[in-house]
Amino acid sequence: MPIITRKIKLQLCTEGLSDEERKEQWNLLYRINDNLYRSANNTSSKLYLDEHVSTLVYLKHKEYQTIKKELAKAEKQKNRDENAIAEKVSQLKSYELEMNNQELAICKYADEMSTHSVAYKFATELETNIYSQILTQIQEKVYQDFLNDQEEVREGKRSIRTYKKGMPIPFPWNKNIRMEYAKTDDDYEFYIKWYNGIRFHLFFGNDKSNNRLIVKRCFKLDEFCNDNYIMRTSSIKMVKGDKGTDLYLLLVVDIPEEKHELNNNIVVGVDLGINVPVYVATNITEERKYFGDREHFFNTRMAFEKRFHSFQRLKGTACGRGRTKKLQPLERLKNAEKNWVHTQNHYFSRDVIKFALQVKAATIQMEDLSGYGKDDEGNVIERKKFILGKWSYNELQNMITYKAKKVGIKVNMVNPAYTSQTCSCCGERDERNRNGVSFICHNPECKQYNKEIHADYNAARNIATSKNIVKNK
């Protein structure tokens, strides 16, 4: 079943509570929020250490490395001294036993440090049931992130992931931690019964995303829908605002896959570009569409950047008292830009899925852009820095993927090589074919010979017809 996440504002239910009890509930939330990211970083470091401790011990043991090199040389000599070789092998085994003991000692020490530094503190400050349930969810998340990053960390393409203060507080739904509802004259009101007697009221506001309807379907309160909507492990996020701390529920729900009549022979290719943010086309028809406008997208982001630099000049300070307060406008501006880009990507991804459903495509194909703008050593290419700083293609591709799953459309990632230089009609590749936003095929035998078409449309067609699938999403 497809999984969606809905952001719903929460209000702490404090009616009938004394000032001391209200303060105690807020303090509990703050304590969890202040300790959670530390625990996540501790777990992440422990996972990294467990994986690399053996390699580190072996590399640090100079005598072992020296004997190993001497053994390799001795084995290559024509007149091999078997006694000397046997002695070195025996020395290596002795060192290996010693290093194994060192490895075990390091892992044991890491376990003790992990317990007493952060996890132990977290456990003593909070009730045991809170510690165990929340911490278990955090450890699962960190472990999954570690597995996802593992290959790139090994290759040196990225550093070990770190977690910042304010990360969402995960919790499981069970008989003690549950959502409840109450019938009103107009509709239903929903509440969360949380740890330590804390209760939250769900506030839906304008509800443009139909969050209330989704929650109702989780309780089968929608008389027009009998499908199974199942709540999964969700989280609460605390966000500091101008007038205090805002609380949000990040509700994770398994929803039924929408049923649509799709044609397995039709594939939609999605080209993410600079001149046109999103261009879509099919593999067997001439239907096409583009979404977004370069000028609007980049001008808005440049305006954000200009304001950001202006704030830096006015508020910037290297150190001293009041630094955090001075930097708050910068943080708000960063969040505003991030939210704007996030919203734009939602619009683009929605339009891509709408187009795919209109043409009844069973598959969407996109370019695998991992490593885009970087050289063989993983360094960002100078001329690509501006694009990478303004273009959040990874988030957009992820949105397209999860929205495609909701409607039963398969998503493939294809090799992006030469999609902009190859003619989608005859398959001829020529660097002269593309010139800015124009594409003209130079193959005299092609039906499109010397005819000008949009370069992004040609690329989208190549992506749609590509058989060079890198991975399925």
Protein backbone atom coordinates (compact mmCIF):
# COMPACT_ATOMS: atom_id res chain seq x y z
CA MET A 1 0.00 0.00 0.00
CA PRO A 2 1.26 3.54 -0.72
CA ILE A 3 2.35 5.55 2.31
CA ILE A 4 1.62 9.25 2.74
CA THR A 5 2.61 11.76 5.43
CA ARG A 6 0.28 14.53 6.49
CA LYS A 7 1.31 17.59 8.49
CA ILE A 8 -1.42 18.61 10.96
CA LYS A 9 -1.18 21.36 13.57
CA LEU A 10 -1.57 20.27 17.19
CA GLN A 11 -2.82 22.16 20.21
CA LEU A 12 -1.88 21.01 23.69
CA CYS A 13 -5.04 20.31 25.70
CA THR A 14 -4.50 22.16 28.97
CA GLU A 15 -8.08 22.82 30.07
CA GLY A 16 -8.57 21.97 33.73
CA LEU A 17 -4.84 21.83 34.40
CA SER A 18 -3.00 24.02 36.86
CA ASP A 19 -0.16 26.28 35.74
CA GLU A 20 2.29 23.87 37.31
CA GLU A 21 0.84 20.91 35.38
CA ARG A 22 0.89 22.84 32.08
CA LYS A 23 4.51 23.80 32.69
CA GLU A 24 5.38 20.19 33.48
CA GLN A 25 3.88 18.94 30.20
CA TRP A 26 5.77 21.52 28.16
CA ASN A 27 8.99 20.72 30.04
CA LEU A 28 8.59 17.05 29.17
CA LEU A 29 8.23 17.88 25.48
CA TYR A 30 11.26 20.16 25.63
CA ARG A 31 13.36 17.52 27.39
CA ILE A 32 12.55 14.95 24.74
CA ASN A 33 13.23 17.48 21.99
CA ASP A 34 16.57 18.49 23.56
CA ASN A 35 17.84 14.94 24.02
CA LEU A 36 16.50 13.13 20.98
CA TYR A 37 18.96 14.42 18.40
CA ARG A 38 21.86 13.65 20.71
CA SER A 39 20.70 10.08 21.04
CA ALA A 40 20.35 9.83 17.24
CA ASN A 41 23.89 11.15 16.71
CA ASN A 42 25.22 8.79 19.34
CA THR A 43 23.56 5.82 17.62
CA SER A 44 24.85 6.96 14.22
CA SER A 45 28.42 7.23 15.51
CA LYS A 46 28.14 3.81 17.16
CA LEU A 47 26.99 2.19 13.90
CA TYR A 48 29.87 3.80 12.02
CA LEU A 49 32.36 2.71 14.66
CA ASP A 50 31.07 -0.89 14.68
CA GLU A 51 31.53 -1.10 10.92
CA HIS A 52 34.99 0.46 10.77
CA VAL A 53 36.59 -0.51 14.07
CA SER A 54 38.15 -3.66 12.57
CA THR A 55 39.71 -1.72 9.69
CA LEU A 56 40.94 1.01 12.03
CA VAL A 57 42.57 -1.47 14.41
CA TYR A 58 44.35 -3.27 11.57
CA LEU A 59 45.58 -0.04 9.96
CA LYS A 60 46.85 1.34 13.29
CA HIS A 61 48.87 -1.78 14.10
CA LYS A 62 52.27 -0.84 12.57
CA GLU A 63 53.99 -4.13 13.42
CA TYR A 64 51.20 -6.10 11.75
CA GLN A 65 51.40 -4.00 8.60
CA THR A 66 55.23 -4.33 8.52
CA ILE A 67 55.18 -8.13 8.95
CA LYS A 68 52.44 -8.39 6.33
CA LYS A 69 54.59 -6.53 3.76
CA GLU A 70 57.67 -8.61 4.65
CA LEU A 71 55.64 -11.81 4.24
CA ALA A 72 54.43 -10.72 0.81
CA LYS A 73 58.02 -10.04 -0.31
CA ALA A 74 59.29 -13.32 1.15
CA GLU A 75 56.65 -15.33 -0.72
CA LYS A 76 57.62 -13.71 -4.05
CA GLN A 77 61.36 -14.54 -3.74
CA LYS A 78 62.75 -17.35 -5.88
CA ASN A 79 64.66 -18.96 -3.03
CA ARG A 80 61.92 -18.92 -0.44
CA ASP A 81 62.91 -19.33 3.20
CA GLU A 82 60.05 -21.51 4.43
CA ASN A 83 61.11 -21.23 8.07
CA ALA A 84 61.11 -17.41 7.90
CA ILE A 85 57.72 -17.47 6.15
CA ALA A 86 56.26 -19.80 8.78
CA GLU A 87 57.61 -17.54 11.54
CA LYS A 88 56.00 -14.45 9.97
CA VAL A 89 52.68 -16.29 9.51
CA SER A 90 52.80 -17.24 13.19
CA GLN A 91 53.53 -13.60 14.12
CA LEU A 92 50.58 -12.42 12.02
CA LYS A 93 48.22 -14.88 13.74
CA SER A 94 49.43 -13.68 17.12
CA TYR A 95 48.87 -10.04 16.12
CA GLU A 96 45.42 -10.90 14.70
CA LEU A 97 44.41 -12.48 18.01
CA GLU A 98 45.68 -9.37 19.81
CA MET A 99 43.74 -7.09 17.44
CA ASN A 100 40.56 -9.12 17.81
CA ASN A 101 40.78 -8.59 21.55
CA GLN A 102 41.35 -4.86 20.95
CA GLU A 103 38.35 -4.75 18.66
CA LEU A 104 36.14 -6.41 21.28
CA ALA A 105 37.42 -4.03 23.95
CA ILE A 106 36.68 -0.98 21.76
CA CYS A 107 33.17 -2.20 20.97
CA LYS A 108 32.53 -2.89 24.66
CA TYR A 109 33.80 0.57 25.60
CA ALA A 110 31.63 2.13 22.86
CA ASP A 111 28.59 0.33 24.25
CA GLU A 112 29.34 1.62 27.73
CA MET A 113 29.87 5.18 26.47
CA SER A 114 26.70 4.98 24.43
CA THR A 115 24.76 3.92 27.50
CA HIS A 116 26.19 6.39 29.99
CA SER A 117 26.62 9.48 27.83
CA VAL A 118 23.30 10.03 26.08
CA ALA A 119 20.99 7.05 26.23
CA TYR A 120 21.44 6.68 29.98
CA LYS A 121 20.82 10.37 30.53
CA PHE A 122 17.74 10.18 28.31
CA ALA A 123 16.48 7.18 30.28
CA THR A 124 16.95 8.78 33.68
CA GLU A 125 15.38 12.10 32.69
CA LEU A 126 12.30 10.47 31.19
CA GLU A 127 10.03 7.63 32.22
CA THR A 128 11.20 4.18 31.13
CA ASN A 129 8.29 3.52 28.78
CA ILE A 130 8.87 6.82 26.95
CA TYR A 131 12.58 6.16 26.69
CA SER A 132 12.21 2.66 25.30
CA GLN A 133 9.44 3.31 22.76
CA ILE A 134 10.71 6.61 21.35
CA LEU A 135 14.34 5.51 21.40
CA THR A 136 13.50 2.28 19.60
CA GLN A 137 11.88 4.26 16.78
CA ILE A 138 14.84 6.64 16.61
CA GLN A 139 17.31 3.77 16.43
CA GLU A 140 15.34 2.16 13.61
CA LYS A 141 15.34 5.44 11.67
CA VAL A 142 19.06 6.02 12.23
CA TYR A 143 19.86 2.44 11.19
CA GLN A 144 17.83 2.80 8.00
CA ASP A 145 19.57 6.11 7.21
CA PHE A 146 22.91 4.43 7.89
CA LEU A 147 22.15 1.65 5.41
CA ASN A 148 21.02 4.17 2.79
CA ASP A 149 24.20 6.25 3.20
CA GLN A 150 26.60 3.36 3.71
CA GLU A 151 27.93 3.06 0.17
CA GLU A 152 28.54 6.79 -0.30
CA VAL A 153 30.21 7.05 3.12
CA ARG A 154 32.56 4.20 2.23
CA GLU A 155 33.48 5.89 -1.06
CA GLY A 156 34.04 9.21 0.69
CA LYS A 157 31.25 10.93 -1.26
CA ARG A 158 29.53 12.05 1.91
CA SER A 159 30.23 12.23 5.62
CA ILE A 160 28.41 10.35 8.33
CA ARG A 161 24.90 11.78 8.78
CA THR A 162 24.27 14.08 11.72
CA TYR A 163 20.95 15.04 13.29
CA LYS A 164 19.96 18.49 14.49
CA LYS A 165 17.98 19.67 17.44
CA GLY A 166 14.29 19.80 16.61
CA MET A 167 14.10 16.51 14.72
CA PRO A 168 10.61 14.92 14.77
CA ILE A 169 9.77 12.84 17.87
CA PRO A 170 8.61 9.42 16.62
CA PHE A 171 6.08 7.30 18.49
CA PRO A 172 4.11 4.10 17.78
CA TRP A 173 0.34 3.80 17.96
CA ASN A 174 -0.79 1.28 20.59
CA LYS A 175 -3.44 0.84 23.27
CA ASN A 176 -1.83 3.53 25.43
CA ILE A 177 -0.77 5.97 22.70
CA ARG A 178 -3.80 6.36 20.51
CA MET A 179 -5.99 8.77 18.60
CA GLU A 180 -9.54 9.35 19.79
CA TYR A 181 -12.50 11.19 18.33
CA ALA A 182 -15.60 12.95 19.63
CA LYS A 183 -18.81 13.61 17.72
CA THR A 184 -19.86 17.24 17.44
CA ASP A 185 -22.92 18.90 15.92
CA ASP A 186 -21.11 19.57 12.64
CA ASP A 187 -18.46 16.86 12.36
CA TYR A 188 -15.85 15.09 14.49
CA GLU A 189 -13.02 16.41 16.65
CA PHE A 190 -9.85 14.34 16.98
CA TYR A 191 -7.44 14.06 19.89
CA ILE A 192 -4.22 12.20 20.63
CA LYS A 193 -3.73 10.57 23.99
CA TRP A 194 0.04 10.66 24.46
CA TYR A 195 2.59 9.89 27.19
CA ASN A 196 2.21 11.11 30.78
CA GLY A 197 -1.40 12.10 30.34
CA ILE A 198 -0.57 14.63 27.61
CA ARG A 199 -3.43 15.20 25.17
CA PHE A 200 -3.29 16.99 21.82
CA HIS A 201 -6.16 18.40 19.79
CA LEU A 202 -5.84 18.15 16.00
CA PHE A 203 -6.40 21.54 14.36
CA PHE A 204 -7.06 21.26 10.60
CA GLY A 205 -7.43 24.94 9.70
CA ASN A 206 -8.37 25.58 6.04
CA ASP A 207 -7.52 21.94 5.29
CA LYS A 208 -6.63 22.29 1.61
CA SER A 209 -5.03 18.82 1.73
CA ASN A 210 -8.18 17.08 3.08
CA ASN A 211 -6.34 15.95 6.21
CA ARG A 212 -9.56 15.71 8.21
CA LEU A 213 -11.03 13.33 5.61
CA ILE A 214 -7.95 11.11 5.76
CA VAL A 215 -8.12 10.92 9.56
CA LYS A 216 -11.83 10.14 9.39
CA ARG A 217 -11.12 7.30 6.96
CA CYS A 218 -8.63 5.84 9.45
CA PHE A 219 -11.63 5.44 11.79
CA LYS A 220 -14.03 4.50 8.94
CA LEU A 221 -16.10 7.60 9.64
CA ASP A 222 -16.40 8.55 5.96
CA GLU A 223 -19.71 7.11 4.76
CA PHE A 224 -18.57 7.36 1.12
CA CYS A 225 -15.39 5.29 1.55
CA ASN A 226 -14.93 1.80 2.98
CA ASP A 227 -11.24 1.40 2.07
CA ASN A 228 -8.64 0.59 4.71
CA TYR A 229 -6.59 3.56 5.88
CA ILE A 230 -4.04 2.44 8.48
CA MET A 231 -2.03 4.78 10.73
CA ARG A 232 1.64 3.87 11.04
CA THR A 233 4.43 5.10 13.33
CA SER A 234 4.13 8.89 13.26
CA SER A 235 5.95 11.79 14.89
CA ILE A 236 5.52 15.18 16.53
CA LYS A 237 7.62 18.13 15.44
CA MET A 238 8.26 21.18 17.60
CA VAL A 239 8.86 24.41 15.67
CA LYS A 240 9.88 27.64 17.34
CA GLY A 241 7.79 30.56 16.14
CA ASP A 242 7.57 34.27 16.89
CA LYS A 243 4.91 33.72 19.52
CA GLY A 244 6.16 30.51 21.08
CA THR A 245 6.55 26.89 20.04
CA ASP A 246 4.21 25.37 17.46
CA LEU A 247 3.44 21.64 17.49
CA TYR A 248 2.75 19.56 14.38
CA LEU A 249 1.71 15.96 13.91
CA LEU A 250 3.47 14.22 11.01
CA LEU A 251 0.84 11.54 10.49
CA VAL A 252 1.96 8.53 8.46
CA VAL A 253 -0.88 6.60 6.83
CA ASP A 254 -1.04 3.52 4.62
CA ILE A 255 -3.65 4.29 1.99
CA PRO A 256 -5.21 2.00 -0.60
CA GLU A 257 -3.82 2.19 -4.11
CA GLU A 258 -6.10 4.13 -6.41
CA LYS A 259 -7.55 2.13 -9.29
CA HIS A 260 -7.07 3.60 -12.76
CA GLU A 261 -7.29 2.18 -16.25
CA LEU A 262 -3.67 2.23 -17.44
CA ASN A 263 -1.98 1.11 -20.65
CA ASN A 264 1.19 -0.95 -20.09
CA ASN A 265 2.53 0.14 -23.48
CA ILE A 266 2.50 3.85 -22.67
CA VAL A 267 5.47 5.38 -20.85
CA VAL A 268 5.84 9.00 -19.78
CA GLY A 269 9.32 10.48 -19.85
CA VAL A 270 10.06 13.30 -17.40
CA ASP A 271 12.88 15.71 -18.25
CA LEU A 272 13.96 18.03 -15.44
CA GLY A 273 15.68 21.04 -16.92
CA ILE A 274 16.85 24.58 -16.42
CA ASN A 275 15.01 26.40 -19.20
CA VAL A 276 11.82 24.50 -18.41
CA PRO A 277 11.68 22.99 -14.88
CA VAL A 278 9.60 19.97 -15.98
CA TYR A 279 8.85 18.69 -19.50
CA VAL A 280 6.84 15.48 -20.05
CA ALA A 281 6.20 13.42 -23.18
CA THR A 282 5.13 9.87 -24.04
CA ASN A 283 6.92 7.12 -25.91
CA ILE A 284 4.28 6.34 -28.56
CA THR A 285 2.21 9.51 -28.97
CA GLU A 286 3.04 13.16 -29.62
CA GLU A 287 1.32 14.32 -26.44
CA ARG A 288 3.51 16.61 -24.37
CA LYS A 289 3.33 19.26 -21.69
CA TYR A 290 5.64 21.47 -19.69
CA PHE A 291 5.29 22.84 -16.17
CA GLY A 292 6.91 25.82 -14.55
CA ASP A 293 8.69 28.88 -15.80
CA ARG A 294 12.45 29.43 -15.61
CA GLU A 295 12.21 33.17 -14.99
CA HIS A 296 9.65 32.85 -12.20
CA PHE A 297 11.46 29.95 -10.50
CA PHE A 298 14.97 31.42 -10.60
CA ASN A 299 13.95 35.03 -9.99
CA THR A 300 12.08 34.01 -6.85
CA ARG A 301 15.03 32.00 -5.55
CA MET A 302 17.45 34.81 -6.39
CA ALA A 303 15.18 37.24 -4.52
CA PHE A 304 15.38 34.98 -1.48
CA GLU A 305 19.16 34.87 -1.81
CA LYS A 306 19.39 38.65 -2.10
CA ARG A 307 17.32 39.09 1.07
CA PHE A 308 19.43 36.45 2.79
CA HIS A 309 22.70 38.32 2.03
CA SER A 310 21.08 41.58 3.09
CA PHE A 311 20.15 40.05 6.47
CA GLN A 312 23.66 38.70 6.83
CA ARG A 313 25.14 42.17 6.46
CA LEU A 314 22.67 43.72 8.90
CA LYS A 315 22.51 40.98 11.53
CA GLY A 316 25.76 39.11 11.07
CA THR A 317 28.00 38.75 14.10
CA ALA A 318 30.88 36.43 14.71
CA CYS A 319 30.19 35.79 18.35
CA GLY A 320 29.02 37.36 21.55
CA ARG A 321 25.79 37.81 23.40
CA GLY A 322 22.56 37.86 21.43
CA ARG A 323 24.00 35.99 18.47
CA THR A 324 21.18 33.41 18.40
CA LYS A 325 18.51 36.11 18.47
CA LYS A 326 20.25 38.07 15.71
CA LEU A 327 20.34 34.99 13.49
CA GLN A 328 16.65 34.12 13.91
CA PRO A 329 15.53 36.24 10.90
CA LEU A 330 18.04 34.34 8.75
CA GLU A 331 16.62 31.01 9.91
CA ARG A 332 13.07 32.17 9.20
CA LEU A 333 14.11 33.28 5.72
CA LYS A 334 15.80 29.92 5.07
CA ASN A 335 12.63 28.12 6.13
CA ALA A 336 10.49 30.40 3.96
CA GLU A 337 12.61 29.62 0.89
CA LYS A 338 12.61 25.91 1.69
CA ASN A 339 8.82 25.90 2.05
CA TRP A 340 8.40 27.80 -1.21
CA VAL A 341 10.55 25.32 -3.15
CA HIS A 342 8.76 22.43 -1.44
CA THR A 343 5.39 23.85 -2.52
CA GLN A 344 6.59 24.35 -6.11
CA ASN A 345 7.78 20.74 -6.24
CA HIS A 346 4.38 19.60 -4.98
CA TYR A 347 2.70 21.49 -7.83
CA PHE A 348 5.12 20.10 -10.43
CA SER A 349 4.80 16.49 -9.18
CA ARG A 350 1.00 16.77 -9.04
CA ASP A 351 0.90 17.98 -12.65
CA VAL A 352 3.20 15.15 -13.82
CA ILE A 353 0.90 12.51 -12.29
CA LYS A 354 -2.17 14.24 -13.71
CA PHE A 355 -0.62 14.13 -17.20
CA ALA A 356 0.33 10.46 -16.81
CA LEU A 357 -3.24 9.58 -15.84
CA GLN A 358 -4.64 11.58 -18.76
CA VAL A 359 -2.58 9.58 -21.27
CA LYS A 360 -3.20 6.35 -19.26
CA ALA A 361 0.51 5.65 -18.83
CA ALA A 362 1.39 2.66 -16.63
CA THR A 363 5.03 3.76 -16.27
CA ILE A 364 6.93 6.96 -15.60
CA GLN A 365 10.64 7.15 -16.40
CA MET A 366 13.08 9.74 -15.07
CA GLU A 367 16.81 10.24 -15.35
CA ASP A 368 19.00 8.87 -12.58
CA LEU A 369 20.67 12.14 -11.57
CA SER A 370 22.71 10.81 -8.65
CA GLY A 371 26.14 12.37 -8.96
CA TYR A 372 24.88 15.11 -11.28
CA GLY A 373 27.22 18.10 -11.44
CA LYS A 374 30.15 16.24 -9.85
CA ASP A 375 33.41 14.94 -11.29
CA ASP A 376 34.80 11.42 -10.90
CA GLU A 377 36.23 12.33 -7.49
CA GLY A 378 32.86 13.56 -6.21
CA ASN A 379 33.75 17.27 -6.29
CA VAL A 380 31.18 19.76 -7.58
CA ILE A 381 32.05 21.05 -11.05
CA GLU A 382 32.46 24.83 -10.94
CA ARG A 383 29.99 25.62 -13.74
CA LYS A 384 27.35 23.43 -12.06
CA LYS A 385 27.45 25.13 -8.64
CA PHE A 386 24.78 27.70 -9.50
CA ILE A 387 22.38 25.03 -10.83
CA LEU A 388 22.86 22.68 -7.86
CA GLY A 389 22.30 25.57 -5.46
CA LYS A 390 18.95 26.46 -7.01
CA TRP A 391 17.55 23.18 -8.32
CA SER A 392 16.13 20.62 -5.86
CA TYR A 393 15.64 17.80 -8.38
CA ASN A 394 16.05 15.02 -5.81
CA GLU A 395 13.05 16.18 -3.75
CA LEU A 396 10.96 16.57 -6.91
CA GLN A 397 11.81 13.05 -8.11
CA ASN A 398 10.91 11.61 -4.71
CA MET A 399 7.55 13.41 -4.78
CA ILE A 400 6.79 12.12 -8.26
CA THR A 401 7.70 8.61 -7.13
CA TYR A 402 5.46 8.47 -4.06
CA LYS A 403 2.54 10.12 -5.86
CA ALA A 404 2.91 7.66 -8.74
CA LYS A 405 2.70 4.75 -6.30
CA LYS A 406 -0.55 6.16 -4.92
CA VAL A 407 -2.21 5.79 -8.33
CA GLY A 408 -0.56 2.49 -9.31
CA ILE A 409 2.02 3.87 -11.76
CA LYS A 410 5.44 2.22 -11.91
CA VAL A 411 8.57 4.44 -11.80
CA ASN A 412 11.89 3.63 -13.50
CA MET A 413 15.18 5.52 -13.33
CA VAL A 414 17.15 5.47 -16.60
CA ASN A 415 20.71 6.33 -17.59
CA PRO A 416 20.80 10.06 -18.44
CA ALA A 417 23.70 9.80 -20.87
CA TYR A 418 23.17 11.64 -24.20
CA THR A 419 19.39 12.09 -23.84
CA SER A 420 19.81 15.73 -24.91
CA GLN A 421 22.07 14.98 -27.92
CA THR A 422 20.22 11.97 -29.38
CA CYS A 423 17.36 12.34 -31.84
CA SER A 424 14.20 10.78 -30.39
CA CYS A 425 13.02 9.96 -33.94
CA CYS A 426 16.00 8.17 -35.55
CA GLY A 427 18.32 7.59 -32.56
CA GLU A 428 21.26 9.41 -34.19
CA ARG A 429 23.58 11.07 -31.65
CA ASP A 430 25.36 14.28 -32.59
CA GLU A 431 26.66 17.11 -30.40
CA ARG A 432 25.46 19.60 -33.05
CA ASN A 433 21.84 18.49 -32.65
CA ARG A 434 21.13 20.60 -29.59
CA ASN A 435 21.50 24.36 -29.53
CA GLY A 436 20.05 25.93 -26.38
CA VAL A 437 16.30 25.23 -26.27
CA SER A 438 16.27 24.06 -29.90
CA PHE A 439 16.93 20.58 -31.25
CA ILE A 440 17.60 19.97 -34.96
CA CYS A 441 18.49 16.48 -36.22
CA HIS A 442 21.41 16.46 -38.68
CA ASN A 443 20.75 12.96 -40.02
CA PRO A 444 19.51 13.28 -43.66
CA GLU A 445 17.70 9.93 -43.40
CA CYS A 446 15.60 11.02 -40.41
CA LYS A 447 11.98 12.08 -40.78
CA GLN A 448 12.76 15.05 -38.52
CA TYR A 449 15.84 16.06 -40.54
CA ASN A 450 16.50 19.80 -40.31
CA LYS A 451 13.23 20.37 -38.42
CA GLU A 452 13.38 22.36 -35.21
CA ILE A 453 11.72 20.96 -32.08
CA HIS A 454 11.99 21.85 -28.39
CA ALA A 455 15.15 20.31 -26.91
CA ASP A 456 13.42 19.37 -23.65
CA TYR A 457 10.60 17.64 -25.55
CA ASN A 458 13.20 15.60 -27.45
CA ALA A 459 14.93 14.68 -24.18
CA ALA A 460 11.63 13.69 -22.57
CA ARG A 461 10.87 11.41 -25.54
CA ASN A 462 14.30 9.78 -25.23
CA ILE A 463 13.74 9.19 -21.52
CA ALA A 464 10.31 7.65 -22.24
CA THR A 465 11.73 5.26 -24.89
CA SER A 466 14.92 4.40 -23.01
CA LYS A 467 15.56 0.71 -22.24
CA ASN A 468 18.65 1.48 -20.19
CA ILE A 469 16.96 1.22 -16.81
CA VAL A 470 19.31 1.83 -13.87
CA LYS A 471 16.85 1.01 -11.08
CA ASN A 472 13.19 0.71 -10.23
CA LYS A 473 11.69 2.88 -7.51
